[in-house]
Amino acid sequence: MNDKAYLSIRMDRRLHDKFQSVAAYEGRSMSGQILYLVNQCVREFEKVHGPIDLLDQT
């Protein structure tokens, strides 16, 4: 069973290049930086709103 999901986004070239610089500075690939930021966002959300119950999603 594959528990990976894929996300594709489009952004303008200037933002892409700046984001790539930030990721490199942080020692991450762009994908790694996106995953880091998504995880950080979810942690902060759950800190305020409590754990997200995936079984309760419709």
Protein backbone atom coordinates (compact mmCIF):
# COMPACT_ATOMS: atom_id res chain seq x y z
CA MET A 1 0.00 0.00 0.00
CA ASN A 2 1.36 3.42 -0.96
CA ASP A 3 0.66 6.00 1.74
CA LYS A 4 2.21 8.87 -0.22
CA ALA A 5 0.06 11.61 -1.73
CA TYR A 6 1.26 13.98 -4.42
CA LEU A 7 0.70 17.70 -4.75
CA SER A 8 1.56 19.79 -7.76
CA ILE A 9 1.63 23.57 -7.58
CA ARG A 10 2.37 26.36 -10.00
CA MET A 11 4.15 29.55 -9.07
CA ASP A 12 5.81 32.34 -10.94
CA ARG A 13 9.50 31.89 -11.75
CA ARG A 14 10.67 34.70 -9.43
CA LEU A 15 8.93 33.16 -6.41
CA HIS A 16 10.23 29.71 -7.41
CA ASP A 17 13.81 30.96 -7.56
CA LYS A 18 13.54 32.78 -4.23
CA PHE A 19 11.97 29.72 -2.58
CA GLN A 20 14.76 27.56 -3.97
CA SER A 21 17.29 29.91 -2.35
CA VAL A 22 15.50 29.70 1.01
CA ALA A 23 15.37 25.90 0.83
CA ALA A 24 19.09 25.71 -0.01
CA TYR A 25 19.93 28.07 2.86
CA GLU A 26 17.95 25.82 5.23
CA GLY A 27 19.78 22.75 3.87
CA ARG A 28 16.69 21.24 2.27
CA SER A 29 15.49 20.39 -1.19
CA MET A 30 12.47 22.35 -2.36
CA SER A 31 10.26 19.31 -1.65
CA GLY A 32 11.82 18.94 1.78
CA GLN A 33 11.21 22.62 2.52
CA ILE A 34 7.57 22.35 1.45
CA LEU A 35 7.08 19.29 3.68
CA TYR A 36 8.75 21.11 6.58
CA LEU A 37 6.43 24.11 6.15
CA VAL A 38 3.30 21.95 5.77
CA ASN A 39 4.18 19.99 8.94
CA GLN A 40 4.84 23.24 10.79
CA CYS A 41 1.46 24.60 9.66
CA VAL A 42 -0.40 21.47 10.82
CA ARG A 43 1.40 21.48 14.20
CA GLU A 44 0.49 25.13 14.78
CA PHE A 45 -3.14 24.53 13.74
CA GLU A 46 -3.45 21.55 16.09
CA LYS A 47 -1.82 23.53 18.90
CA VAL A 48 -4.66 26.06 18.66
CA HIS A 49 -7.57 23.83 17.60
CA GLY A 50 -6.64 20.41 18.95
CA PRO A 51 -5.77 17.26 17.06
CA ILE A 52 -7.32 16.78 13.64
CA ASP A 53 -9.45 13.64 13.62
CA LEU A 54 -9.09 12.18 10.13
CA LEU A 55 -11.90 9.70 10.76
CA ASP A 56 -14.26 12.66 11.27
CA GLN A 57 -13.50 14.10 7.79
CA THR A 58 -16.13 13.75 5.07
